[in-house]
Amino acid sequence: MKKFLKNNYLVIIIFIICIFLGYFYLFGEFKSTYLNSDDINNAFEMMCQSDEMKTSKECQDYFINGPYEDAERDVLFIFYYLLDSSPLRILSFTMSFLISLVSLKKISTIFNNGQTKLYLTREKYSVFIKKTLLNSLKYIFLFPIIFIILYLGCLWLGKGNFDVSYLIDSSASMIPYQYASLGPWFIVLFTYSLIINVIIYILLGLISLRIVNNYYVSIIISYILFLVMAISGEIFGELIFYECFNIDIHNYLNFIGIFEFSDIPNYYLYTGIRILIIFILTGIIYLLYRNKEKLINYTEKKWEILK
């Protein structure tokens, strides 16, 4: 048990923090603001006392219909607010960094402690590389599992209601009707999209670790590579495809707003672009890791630069 905690403490910390922040928001701020009738009515009482707000549509509806009873919201409306308004919204910017933090830990230890030669005396180089890379790829399920657990909280608060009319009327453009109409199956689409993006983050981390043989510096480089990819997506989407060819694929190349599905009518194109990037990054990793002697020489010094 101690060994497991020692080897996975970063994963456990990230997991606990995300679950805590998510459920704290859902059963605290969200429930108070959107579900608890007492808080809603108190807010209207205060807001509608002012002369400026008395004539507003919201206050007129409140005066006519009287105090609100406990509100019911559909599951995807709650999930939308979890993604858009809770502290977890910052993950769209930081998930790449966190994935590199956990996925590079063990492989970096092997590279920096001179263990590479020791491993290669007991197994073939191809087997060693496959095991090493797969050890990093096992973290593709960290954030999908986190969001599935949080989704269960949304399911509880929403009482299994998937009538998305309120979600659509509220102009929650992050989840347009095309995807919201999937109801309970939306989480499958969301999870699949999340896994694809996480794979990209892991591959960027593996590339960065082969650029500089230092755990902390490689994490920073990995995040820089992610930002370069995101900025390149903006440039290609806005300046090249739209300005030159009048083709609007800006949101298909949005690598930061990974929780958004607005203006993405073709989900296959959206995921296809990312799968193509995965193949390109996999090819780069093959070129970087294919030479046994170069990798051994590279790992013999902690601050070795790509060679």
C-alpha atoms as a PDB file:
ATOM      1  CA  MET A   1       0.000   0.000   0.000  1.00  0.00           C
ATOM      2  CA  LYS A   2       2.824   2.398   0.880  1.00  0.00           C
ATOM      3  CA  LYS A   3       4.527   1.638  -2.433  1.00  0.00           C
ATOM      4  CA  PHE A   4       1.300   2.309  -4.325  1.00  0.00           C
ATOM      5  CA  LEU A   5       0.803   5.651  -2.558  1.00  0.00           C
ATOM      6  CA  LYS A   6       4.425   6.628  -3.149  1.00  0.00           C
ATOM      7  CA  ASN A   7       4.271   5.814  -6.864  1.00  0.00           C
ATOM      8  CA  ASN A   8       0.881   7.427  -7.447  1.00  0.00           C
ATOM      9  CA  TYR A   9       0.678  10.313  -5.001  1.00  0.00           C
ATOM     10  CA  LEU A  10       0.435  12.918  -7.794  1.00  0.00           C
ATOM     11  CA  VAL A  11      -2.462  11.071  -9.428  1.00  0.00           C
ATOM     12  CA  ILE A  12      -4.218  10.707  -6.076  1.00  0.00           C
ATOM     13  CA  ILE A  13      -3.792  14.407  -5.250  1.00  0.00           C
ATOM     14  CA  ILE A  14      -5.121  15.535  -8.648  1.00  0.00           C
ATOM     15  CA  PHE A  15      -8.008  13.065  -8.415  1.00  0.00           C
ATOM     16  CA  ILE A  16      -9.043  14.148  -4.905  1.00  0.00           C
ATOM     17  CA  ILE A  17      -8.765  17.893  -5.657  1.00  0.00           C
ATOM     18  CA  CYS A  18     -10.829  17.632  -8.864  1.00  0.00           C
ATOM     19  CA  ILE A  19     -13.552  15.513  -7.259  1.00  0.00           C
ATOM     20  CA  PHE A  20     -13.687  17.794  -4.212  1.00  0.00           C
ATOM     21  CA  LEU A  21     -13.867  21.019  -6.259  1.00  0.00           C
ATOM     22  CA  GLY A  22     -16.478  19.525  -8.596  1.00  0.00           C
ATOM     23  CA  TYR A  23     -18.809  18.230  -5.897  1.00  0.00           C
ATOM     24  CA  PHE A  24     -18.255  21.300  -3.704  1.00  0.00           C
ATOM     25  CA  TYR A  25     -19.481  23.444  -6.608  1.00  0.00           C
ATOM     26  CA  LEU A  26     -22.389  21.158  -7.535  1.00  0.00           C
ATOM     27  CA  PHE A  27     -23.819  20.731  -4.030  1.00  0.00           C
ATOM     28  CA  GLY A  28     -22.793  24.206  -2.879  1.00  0.00           C
ATOM     29  CA  GLU A  29     -22.831  27.151  -5.261  1.00  0.00           C
ATOM     30  CA  PHE A  30     -24.820  25.554  -8.106  1.00  0.00           C
ATOM     31  CA  LYS A  31     -27.484  24.009  -5.885  1.00  0.00           C
ATOM     32  CA  SER A  32     -27.835  27.243  -3.948  1.00  0.00           C
ATOM     33  CA  THR A  33     -28.055  29.426  -7.061  1.00  0.00           C
ATOM     34  CA  TYR A  34     -30.127  27.290  -9.432  1.00  0.00           C
ATOM     35  CA  LEU A  35     -31.997  24.708  -7.358  1.00  0.00           C
ATOM     36  CA  ASN A  36     -32.636  26.083  -3.869  1.00  0.00           C
ATOM     37  CA  SER A  37     -35.891  28.053  -3.942  1.00  0.00           C
ATOM     38  CA  ASP A  38     -35.163  30.012  -0.741  1.00  0.00           C
ATOM     39  CA  ASP A  39     -31.940  31.456  -2.133  1.00  0.00           C
ATOM     40  CA  ILE A  40     -33.556  32.177  -5.494  1.00  0.00           C
ATOM     41  CA  ASN A  41     -36.527  33.931  -3.932  1.00  0.00           C
ATOM     42  CA  ASN A  42     -34.329  35.952  -1.582  1.00  0.00           C
ATOM     43  CA  ALA A  43     -32.235  37.061  -4.553  1.00  0.00           C
ATOM     44  CA  PHE A  44     -35.371  38.177  -6.442  1.00  0.00           C
ATOM     45  CA  GLU A  45     -36.735  39.972  -3.377  1.00  0.00           C
ATOM     46  CA  MET A  46     -33.580  42.031  -3.091  1.00  0.00           C
ATOM     47  CA  MET A  47     -33.133  42.586  -6.821  1.00  0.00           C
ATOM     48  CA  CYS A  48     -36.715  43.650  -7.488  1.00  0.00           C
ATOM     49  CA  GLN A  49     -36.820  46.251  -4.742  1.00  0.00           C
ATOM     50  CA  SER A  50     -34.937  48.747  -6.874  1.00  0.00           C
ATOM     51  CA  ASP A  51     -36.926  51.036  -9.177  1.00  0.00           C
ATOM     52  CA  GLU A  52     -34.607  50.146 -12.044  1.00  0.00           C
ATOM     53  CA  MET A  53     -35.319  46.401 -11.836  1.00  0.00           C
ATOM     54  CA  LYS A  54     -39.021  46.489 -10.915  1.00  0.00           C
ATOM     55  CA  THR A  55     -40.056  46.857 -14.547  1.00  0.00           C
ATOM     56  CA  SER A  56     -37.689  44.177 -15.845  1.00  0.00           C
ATOM     57  CA  LYS A  57     -39.124  41.024 -17.392  1.00  0.00           C
ATOM     58  CA  GLU A  58     -37.567  38.852 -14.680  1.00  0.00           C
ATOM     59  CA  CYS A  59     -39.132  40.830 -11.854  1.00  0.00           C
ATOM     60  CA  GLN A  60     -42.524  41.110 -13.600  1.00  0.00           C
ATOM     61  CA  ASP A  61     -42.579  37.313 -14.006  1.00  0.00           C
ATOM     62  CA  TYR A  62     -41.662  36.972 -10.349  1.00  0.00           C
ATOM     63  CA  PHE A  63     -44.452  39.329  -9.237  1.00  0.00           C
ATOM     64  CA  ILE A  64     -47.033  37.547 -11.402  1.00  0.00           C
ATOM     65  CA  ASN A  65     -46.047  33.936 -10.710  1.00  0.00           C
ATOM     66  CA  GLY A  66     -45.147  34.403  -7.067  1.00  0.00           C
ATOM     67  CA  PRO A  67     -42.287  32.718  -5.162  1.00  0.00           C
ATOM     68  CA  TYR A  68     -40.487  29.910  -6.946  1.00  0.00           C
ATOM     69  CA  GLU A  69     -40.671  26.346  -5.748  1.00  0.00           C
ATOM     70  CA  ASP A  70     -37.572  24.162  -5.746  1.00  0.00           C
ATOM     71  CA  ALA A  71     -36.328  24.237  -9.324  1.00  0.00           C
ATOM     72  CA  GLU A  72     -35.517  21.207 -11.422  1.00  0.00           C
ATOM     73  CA  ARG A  73     -32.755  21.304 -14.005  1.00  0.00           C
ATOM     74  CA  ASP A  74     -31.850  18.682 -16.561  1.00  0.00           C
ATOM     75  CA  VAL A  75     -28.632  16.692 -16.161  1.00  0.00           C
ATOM     76  CA  LEU A  76     -26.809  18.277 -19.099  1.00  0.00           C
ATOM     77  CA  PHE A  77     -27.682  21.808 -17.932  1.00  0.00           C
ATOM     78  CA  ILE A  78     -25.998  20.966 -14.619  1.00  0.00           C
ATOM     79  CA  PHE A  79     -23.045  19.337 -16.398  1.00  0.00           C
ATOM     80  CA  TYR A  80     -22.694  22.415 -18.603  1.00  0.00           C
ATOM     81  CA  TYR A  81     -22.424  24.696 -15.586  1.00  0.00           C
ATOM     82  CA  LEU A  82     -19.906  22.333 -14.006  1.00  0.00           C
ATOM     83  CA  LEU A  83     -17.706  22.695 -17.105  1.00  0.00           C
ATOM     84  CA  ASP A  84     -18.277  26.405 -17.616  1.00  0.00           C
ATOM     85  CA  SER A  85     -18.637  27.987 -14.159  1.00  0.00           C
ATOM     86  CA  SER A  86     -16.940  25.750 -11.590  1.00  0.00           C
ATOM     87  CA  PRO A  87     -13.224  25.991 -10.706  1.00  0.00           C
ATOM     88  CA  LEU A  88     -12.706  22.959 -12.969  1.00  0.00           C
ATOM     89  CA  ARG A  89     -13.100  25.154 -16.052  1.00  0.00           C
ATOM     90  CA  ILE A  90      -9.397  25.974 -15.639  1.00  0.00           C
ATOM     91  CA  LEU A  91      -8.623  22.374 -16.694  1.00  0.00           C
ATOM     92  CA  SER A  92      -9.136  23.356 -20.333  1.00  0.00           C
ATOM     93  CA  PHE A  93      -5.908  25.359 -19.933  1.00  0.00           C
ATOM     94  CA  THR A  94      -4.024  23.239 -17.406  1.00  0.00           C
ATOM     95  CA  MET A  95      -4.911  19.639 -18.226  1.00  0.00           C
ATOM     96  CA  SER A  96      -1.947  19.322 -20.594  1.00  0.00           C
ATOM     97  CA  PHE A  97       0.411  20.427 -17.815  1.00  0.00           C
ATOM     98  CA  LEU A  98      -1.139  18.049 -15.246  1.00  0.00           C
ATOM     99  CA  ILE A  99      -1.035  15.091 -17.621  1.00  0.00           C
ATOM    100  CA  SER A 100       2.677  15.672 -18.285  1.00  0.00           C
ATOM    101  CA  LEU A 101       3.222  15.969 -14.547  1.00  0.00           C
ATOM    102  CA  VAL A 102       1.923  12.445 -13.883  1.00  0.00           C
ATOM    103  CA  SER A 103       2.759  10.637 -17.134  1.00  0.00           C
ATOM    104  CA  LEU A 104       6.445  11.604 -17.255  1.00  0.00           C
ATOM    105  CA  LYS A 105       7.253  10.857 -13.616  1.00  0.00           C
ATOM    106  CA  LYS A 106       8.267   7.198 -13.891  1.00  0.00           C
ATOM    107  CA  ILE A 107       9.907   7.302 -17.320  1.00  0.00           C
ATOM    108  CA  SER A 108      11.911  10.359 -16.256  1.00  0.00           C
ATOM    109  CA  THR A 109      13.102   8.495 -13.152  1.00  0.00           C
ATOM    110  CA  ILE A 110      14.337   5.646 -15.349  1.00  0.00           C
ATOM    111  CA  PHE A 111      16.132   8.046 -17.678  1.00  0.00           C
ATOM    112  CA  ASN A 112      17.735  10.070 -14.884  1.00  0.00           C
ATOM    113  CA  ASN A 113      18.860   7.269 -12.564  1.00  0.00           C
ATOM    114  CA  GLY A 114      20.934   5.441 -15.132  1.00  0.00           C
ATOM    115  CA  GLN A 115      18.528   2.504 -15.106  1.00  0.00           C
ATOM    116  CA  THR A 116      18.198   2.315 -18.884  1.00  0.00           C
ATOM    117  CA  LYS A 117      21.233   0.063 -19.371  1.00  0.00           C
ATOM    118  CA  LEU A 118      20.105  -2.145 -16.502  1.00  0.00           C
ATOM    119  CA  TYR A 119      16.684  -2.646 -18.070  1.00  0.00           C
ATOM    120  CA  LEU A 120      18.224  -3.392 -21.463  1.00  0.00           C
ATOM    121  CA  THR A 121      20.387  -6.191 -20.058  1.00  0.00           C
ATOM    122  CA  ARG A 122      17.207  -8.087 -19.225  1.00  0.00           C
ATOM    123  CA  GLU A 123      14.954  -7.317 -22.194  1.00  0.00           C
ATOM    124  CA  LYS A 124      15.016  -6.247 -25.823  1.00  0.00           C
ATOM    125  CA  TYR A 125      15.108  -2.563 -26.635  1.00  0.00           C
ATOM    126  CA  SER A 126      11.771  -2.742 -28.469  1.00  0.00           C
ATOM    127  CA  VAL A 127      10.119  -4.328 -25.422  1.00  0.00           C
ATOM    128  CA  PHE A 128      11.660  -1.724 -23.108  1.00  0.00           C
ATOM    129  CA  ILE A 129      10.409   1.165 -25.263  1.00  0.00           C
ATOM    130  CA  LYS A 130       6.912  -0.309 -25.549  1.00  0.00           C
ATOM    131  CA  LYS A 131       6.662  -0.804 -21.782  1.00  0.00           C
ATOM    132  CA  THR A 132       7.995   2.670 -21.121  1.00  0.00           C
ATOM    133  CA  LEU A 133       5.594   4.365 -23.514  1.00  0.00           C
ATOM    134  CA  LEU A 134       2.616   2.304 -22.357  1.00  0.00           C
ATOM    135  CA  ASN A 135       3.383   3.271 -18.771  1.00  0.00           C
ATOM    136  CA  SER A 136       2.767   6.877 -19.757  1.00  0.00           C
ATOM    137  CA  LEU A 137      -0.302   6.102 -21.845  1.00  0.00           C
ATOM    138  CA  LYS A 138      -2.115   4.463 -18.918  1.00  0.00           C
ATOM    139  CA  TYR A 139      -2.920   7.955 -17.639  1.00  0.00           C
ATOM    140  CA  ILE A 140      -5.327   8.589 -20.508  1.00  0.00           C
ATOM    141  CA  PHE A 141      -8.141   7.481 -18.203  1.00  0.00           C
ATOM    142  CA  LEU A 142      -7.396   9.815 -15.263  1.00  0.00           C
ATOM    143  CA  PHE A 143      -9.536  12.783 -16.302  1.00  0.00           C
ATOM    144  CA  PRO A 144     -12.227  10.742 -18.098  1.00  0.00           C
ATOM    145  CA  ILE A 145     -12.801   8.825 -14.838  1.00  0.00           C
ATOM    146  CA  ILE A 146     -12.886  12.090 -12.875  1.00  0.00           C
ATOM    147  CA  PHE A 147     -15.551  13.587 -15.152  1.00  0.00           C
ATOM    148  CA  ILE A 148     -17.617  10.392 -15.216  1.00  0.00           C
ATOM    149  CA  ILE A 149     -17.724  10.467 -11.392  1.00  0.00           C
ATOM    150  CA  LEU A 150     -18.695  14.152 -11.467  1.00  0.00           C
ATOM    151  CA  TYR A 151     -21.310  13.370 -14.114  1.00  0.00           C
ATOM    152  CA  LEU A 152     -22.908  10.965 -11.633  1.00  0.00           C
ATOM    153  CA  GLY A 153     -23.314  13.934  -9.282  1.00  0.00           C
ATOM    154  CA  CYS A 154     -25.041  15.857 -12.083  1.00  0.00           C
ATOM    155  CA  LEU A 155     -27.255  12.818 -12.683  1.00  0.00           C
ATOM    156  CA  TRP A 156     -28.213  12.842  -8.991  1.00  0.00           C
ATOM    157  CA  LEU A 157     -28.993  16.561  -8.855  1.00  0.00           C
ATOM    158  CA  GLY A 158     -30.870  16.414 -12.155  1.00  0.00           C
ATOM    159  CA  LYS A 159     -32.883  13.383 -10.978  1.00  0.00           C
ATOM    160  CA  GLY A 160     -32.175  11.638 -14.268  1.00  0.00           C
ATOM    161  CA  ASN A 161     -33.985  14.341 -16.260  1.00  0.00           C
ATOM    162  CA  PHE A 162     -32.684  14.693 -19.837  1.00  0.00           C
ATOM    163  CA  ASP A 163     -35.310  17.106 -21.132  1.00  0.00           C
ATOM    164  CA  VAL A 164     -32.842  19.618 -22.586  1.00  0.00           C
ATOM    165  CA  SER A 165     -35.402  22.326 -23.453  1.00  0.00           C
ATOM    166  CA  TYR A 166     -34.257  24.474 -20.525  1.00  0.00           C
ATOM    167  CA  LEU A 167     -30.621  23.945 -21.499  1.00  0.00           C
ATOM    168  CA  ILE A 168     -31.302  25.111 -25.059  1.00  0.00           C
ATOM    169  CA  ASP A 169     -33.480  28.054 -23.957  1.00  0.00           C
ATOM    170  CA  SER A 170     -30.717  29.197 -21.612  1.00  0.00           C
ATOM    171  CA  SER A 171     -28.407  29.683 -24.623  1.00  0.00           C
ATOM    172  CA  ALA A 172     -25.766  27.379 -23.199  1.00  0.00           C
ATOM    173  CA  SER A 173     -23.940  27.298 -26.501  1.00  0.00           C
ATOM    174  CA  MET A 174     -21.184  25.049 -25.186  1.00  0.00           C
ATOM    175  CA  ILE A 175     -23.545  22.081 -25.654  1.00  0.00           C
ATOM    176  CA  PRO A 176     -25.763  22.799 -28.702  1.00  0.00           C
ATOM    177  CA  TYR A 177     -28.938  20.823 -29.359  1.00  0.00           C
ATOM    178  CA  GLN A 178     -27.209  18.525 -31.850  1.00  0.00           C
ATOM    179  CA  TYR A 179     -25.215  17.010 -28.980  1.00  0.00           C
ATOM    180  CA  ALA A 180     -27.582  17.710 -26.078  1.00  0.00           C
ATOM    181  CA  SER A 181     -30.267  15.682 -27.868  1.00  0.00           C
ATOM    182  CA  LEU A 182     -28.130  12.591 -27.284  1.00  0.00           C
ATOM    183  CA  GLY A 183     -29.317  12.705 -23.685  1.00  0.00           C
ATOM    184  CA  PRO A 184     -27.506  10.195 -21.456  1.00  0.00           C
ATOM    185  CA  TRP A 185     -25.273   9.189 -24.370  1.00  0.00           C
ATOM    186  CA  PHE A 186     -23.663  12.626 -24.452  1.00  0.00           C
ATOM    187  CA  ILE A 187     -21.210  11.529 -21.746  1.00  0.00           C
ATOM    188  CA  VAL A 188     -19.916   8.824 -24.120  1.00  0.00           C
ATOM    189  CA  LEU A 189     -19.175  11.426 -26.803  1.00  0.00           C
ATOM    190  CA  PHE A 190     -17.632  13.763 -24.217  1.00  0.00           C
ATOM    191  CA  THR A 191     -15.438  11.005 -22.750  1.00  0.00           C
ATOM    192  CA  TYR A 192     -14.227   9.854 -26.163  1.00  0.00           C
ATOM    193  CA  SER A 193     -13.291  13.424 -27.093  1.00  0.00           C
ATOM    194  CA  LEU A 194     -11.507  13.865 -23.762  1.00  0.00           C
ATOM    195  CA  ILE A 195      -9.476  10.665 -24.205  1.00  0.00           C
ATOM    196  CA  ILE A 196      -8.300  11.768 -27.661  1.00  0.00           C
ATOM    197  CA  ASN A 197      -7.121  15.113 -26.296  1.00  0.00           C
ATOM    198  CA  VAL A 198      -5.369  13.490 -23.328  1.00  0.00           C
ATOM    199  CA  ILE A 199      -3.485  11.155 -25.684  1.00  0.00           C
ATOM    200  CA  ILE A 200      -2.175  14.227 -27.514  1.00  0.00           C
ATOM    201  CA  TYR A 201      -0.983  15.701 -24.198  1.00  0.00           C
ATOM    202  CA  ILE A 202       0.841  12.493 -23.284  1.00  0.00           C
ATOM    203  CA  LEU A 203       2.561  12.301 -26.669  1.00  0.00           C
ATOM    204  CA  LEU A 204       3.674  15.929 -26.356  1.00  0.00           C
ATOM    205  CA  GLY A 205       5.140  15.032 -22.970  1.00  0.00           C
ATOM    206  CA  LEU A 206       7.080  12.079 -24.393  1.00  0.00           C
ATOM    207  CA  ILE A 207       8.484  14.287 -27.125  1.00  0.00           C
ATOM    208  CA  SER A 208       9.552  16.937 -24.616  1.00  0.00           C
ATOM    209  CA  LEU A 209      11.276  14.348 -22.407  1.00  0.00           C
ATOM    210  CA  ARG A 210      13.349  13.291 -25.406  1.00  0.00           C
ATOM    211  CA  ILE A 211      14.258  16.928 -26.063  1.00  0.00           C
ATOM    212  CA  VAL A 212      15.610  17.611 -22.556  1.00  0.00           C
ATOM    213  CA  ASN A 213      16.421  14.847 -20.100  1.00  0.00           C
ATOM    214  CA  ASN A 214      15.036  16.640 -17.060  1.00  0.00           C
ATOM    215  CA  TYR A 215      11.640  15.978 -15.504  1.00  0.00           C
ATOM    216  CA  TYR A 216      10.715  19.539 -14.564  1.00  0.00           C
ATOM    217  CA  VAL A 217      12.076  21.197 -17.698  1.00  0.00           C
ATOM    218  CA  SER A 218      10.386  18.610 -19.924  1.00  0.00           C
ATOM    219  CA  ILE A 219       7.022  19.416 -18.304  1.00  0.00           C
ATOM    220  CA  ILE A 220       7.499  23.088 -19.128  1.00  0.00           C
ATOM    221  CA  ILE A 221       8.559  22.274 -22.689  1.00  0.00           C
ATOM    222  CA  SER A 222       5.541  19.994 -23.060  1.00  0.00           C
ATOM    223  CA  TYR A 223       3.228  22.832 -22.058  1.00  0.00           C
ATOM    224  CA  ILE A 224       5.010  25.202 -24.450  1.00  0.00           C
ATOM    225  CA  LEU A 225       4.475  22.659 -27.257  1.00  0.00           C
ATOM    226  CA  PHE A 226       0.792  22.532 -26.313  1.00  0.00           C
ATOM    227  CA  LEU A 227       0.534  26.331 -26.480  1.00  0.00           C
ATOM    228  CA  VAL A 228       2.336  26.351 -29.837  1.00  0.00           C
ATOM    229  CA  MET A 229      -0.168  23.789 -31.153  1.00  0.00           C
ATOM    230  CA  ALA A 230      -3.092  25.849 -29.800  1.00  0.00           C
ATOM    231  CA  ILE A 231      -1.778  29.097 -31.311  1.00  0.00           C
ATOM    232  CA  SER A 232      -1.063  27.344 -34.618  1.00  0.00           C
ATOM    233  CA  GLY A 233      -4.662  26.114 -34.618  1.00  0.00           C
ATOM    234  CA  GLU A 234      -5.865  29.691 -34.199  1.00  0.00           C
ATOM    235  CA  ILE A 235      -3.594  30.916 -37.004  1.00  0.00           C
ATOM    236  CA  PHE A 236      -4.589  28.181 -39.443  1.00  0.00           C
ATOM    237  CA  GLY A 237      -8.272  28.444 -38.522  1.00  0.00           C
ATOM    238  CA  GLU A 238      -8.602  32.225 -38.691  1.00  0.00           C
ATOM    239  CA  LEU A 239      -5.883  33.574 -40.973  1.00  0.00           C
ATOM    240  CA  ILE A 240      -5.447  30.809 -43.515  1.00  0.00           C
ATOM    241  CA  PHE A 241      -8.608  28.740 -43.920  1.00  0.00           C
ATOM    242  CA  TYR A 242     -11.123  31.513 -43.189  1.00  0.00           C
ATOM    243  CA  GLU A 243      -9.398  34.609 -44.595  1.00  0.00           C
ATOM    244  CA  CYS A 244      -7.918  32.902 -47.661  1.00  0.00           C
ATOM    245  CA  PHE A 245     -10.451  30.181 -48.470  1.00  0.00           C
ATOM    246  CA  ASN A 246     -13.538  31.397 -46.556  1.00  0.00           C
ATOM    247  CA  ILE A 247     -13.705  28.027 -44.784  1.00  0.00           C
ATOM    248  CA  ASP A 248     -14.658  28.334 -41.114  1.00  0.00           C
ATOM    249  CA  ILE A 249     -12.965  25.496 -39.237  1.00  0.00           C
ATOM    250  CA  HIS A 250     -11.787  27.684 -36.365  1.00  0.00           C
ATOM    251  CA  ASN A 251     -13.521  25.633 -33.664  1.00  0.00           C
ATOM    252  CA  TYR A 252     -12.305  22.366 -35.140  1.00  0.00           C
ATOM    253  CA  LEU A 253      -8.759  23.593 -34.482  1.00  0.00           C
ATOM    254  CA  ASN A 254      -9.510  24.893 -30.990  1.00  0.00           C
ATOM    255  CA  PHE A 255      -7.186  22.898 -28.728  1.00  0.00           C
ATOM    256  CA  ILE A 256      -7.883  24.898 -25.579  1.00  0.00           C
ATOM    257  CA  GLY A 257     -11.686  24.881 -25.465  1.00  0.00           C
ATOM    258  CA  ILE A 258     -11.842  21.093 -25.214  1.00  0.00           C
ATOM    259  CA  PHE A 259     -15.126  21.234 -23.262  1.00  0.00           C
ATOM    260  CA  GLU A 260     -16.917  23.160 -25.994  1.00  0.00           C
ATOM    261  CA  PHE A 261     -18.936  21.667 -28.840  1.00  0.00           C
ATOM    262  CA  SER A 262     -20.411  24.872 -30.215  1.00  0.00           C
ATOM    263  CA  ASP A 263     -20.058  25.471 -33.960  1.00  0.00           C
ATOM    264  CA  ILE A 264     -18.817  21.899 -34.478  1.00  0.00           C
ATOM    265  CA  PRO A 265     -21.529  20.371 -36.698  1.00  0.00           C
ATOM    266  CA  ASN A 266     -19.287  17.538 -37.878  1.00  0.00           C
ATOM    267  CA  TYR A 267     -18.039  15.565 -34.864  1.00  0.00           C
ATOM    268  CA  TYR A 268     -16.180  13.116 -37.120  1.00  0.00           C
ATOM    269  CA  LEU A 269     -14.116  15.942 -38.599  1.00  0.00           C
ATOM    270  CA  TYR A 270     -13.451  17.295 -35.096  1.00  0.00           C
ATOM    271  CA  THR A 271     -12.123  13.974 -33.798  1.00  0.00           C
ATOM    272  CA  GLY A 272     -10.526  13.084 -37.147  1.00  0.00           C
ATOM    273  CA  ILE A 273      -8.251  16.148 -37.012  1.00  0.00           C
ATOM    274  CA  ARG A 274      -7.092  15.131 -33.540  1.00  0.00           C
ATOM    275  CA  ILE A 275      -6.542  11.511 -34.548  1.00  0.00           C
ATOM    276  CA  LEU A 276      -4.424  12.747 -37.464  1.00  0.00           C
ATOM    277  CA  ILE A 277      -2.360  14.783 -34.979  1.00  0.00           C
ATOM    278  CA  ILE A 278      -1.954  11.658 -32.839  1.00  0.00           C
ATOM    279  CA  PHE A 279      -0.529   9.783 -35.836  1.00  0.00           C
ATOM    280  CA  ILE A 280       1.857  12.654 -36.620  1.00  0.00           C
ATOM    281  CA  LEU A 281       3.064  12.856 -33.018  1.00  0.00           C
ATOM    282  CA  THR A 282       3.438   9.062 -32.885  1.00  0.00           C
ATOM    283  CA  GLY A 283       5.674   9.232 -35.960  1.00  0.00           C
ATOM    284  CA  ILE A 284       7.814  11.910 -34.319  1.00  0.00           C
ATOM    285  CA  ILE A 285       8.138   9.772 -31.179  1.00  0.00           C
ATOM    286  CA  TYR A 286       9.197   6.785 -33.289  1.00  0.00           C
ATOM    287  CA  LEU A 287      11.959   8.846 -34.898  1.00  0.00           C
ATOM    288  CA  LEU A 288      13.127  10.171 -31.531  1.00  0.00           C
ATOM    289  CA  TYR A 289      13.167   6.839 -29.694  1.00  0.00           C
ATOM    290  CA  ARG A 290      14.093   4.338 -32.407  1.00  0.00           C
ATOM    291  CA  ASN A 291      17.884   4.448 -31.943  1.00  0.00           C
ATOM    292  CA  LYS A 292      19.017   2.395 -28.939  1.00  0.00           C
ATOM    293  CA  GLU A 293      22.572   3.740 -28.677  1.00  0.00           C
ATOM    294  CA  LYS A 294      21.481   7.365 -28.950  1.00  0.00           C
ATOM    295  CA  LEU A 295      18.892   6.918 -26.220  1.00  0.00           C
ATOM    296  CA  ILE A 296      21.396   5.219 -23.890  1.00  0.00           C
ATOM    297  CA  ASN A 297      23.906   8.023 -24.404  1.00  0.00           C
ATOM    298  CA  TYR A 298      21.130  10.559 -23.923  1.00  0.00           C
ATOM    299  CA  THR A 299      20.065   9.111 -20.549  1.00  0.00           C
ATOM    300  CA  GLU A 300      23.579   8.957 -19.105  1.00  0.00           C
ATOM    301  CA  LYS A 301      23.456  12.684 -18.302  1.00  0.00           C
ATOM    302  CA  LYS A 302      20.591  14.367 -16.454  1.00  0.00           C
ATOM    303  CA  TRP A 303      20.713  17.621 -18.418  1.00  0.00           C
ATOM    304  CA  GLU A 304      21.397  16.117 -21.804  1.00  0.00           C
ATOM    305  CA  ILE A 305      19.810  17.979 -24.735  1.00  0.00           C
ATOM    306  CA  LEU A 306      18.396  16.118 -27.754  1.00  0.00           C
ATOM    307  CA  LYS A 307      21.120  14.115 -29.504  1.00  0.00           C
END
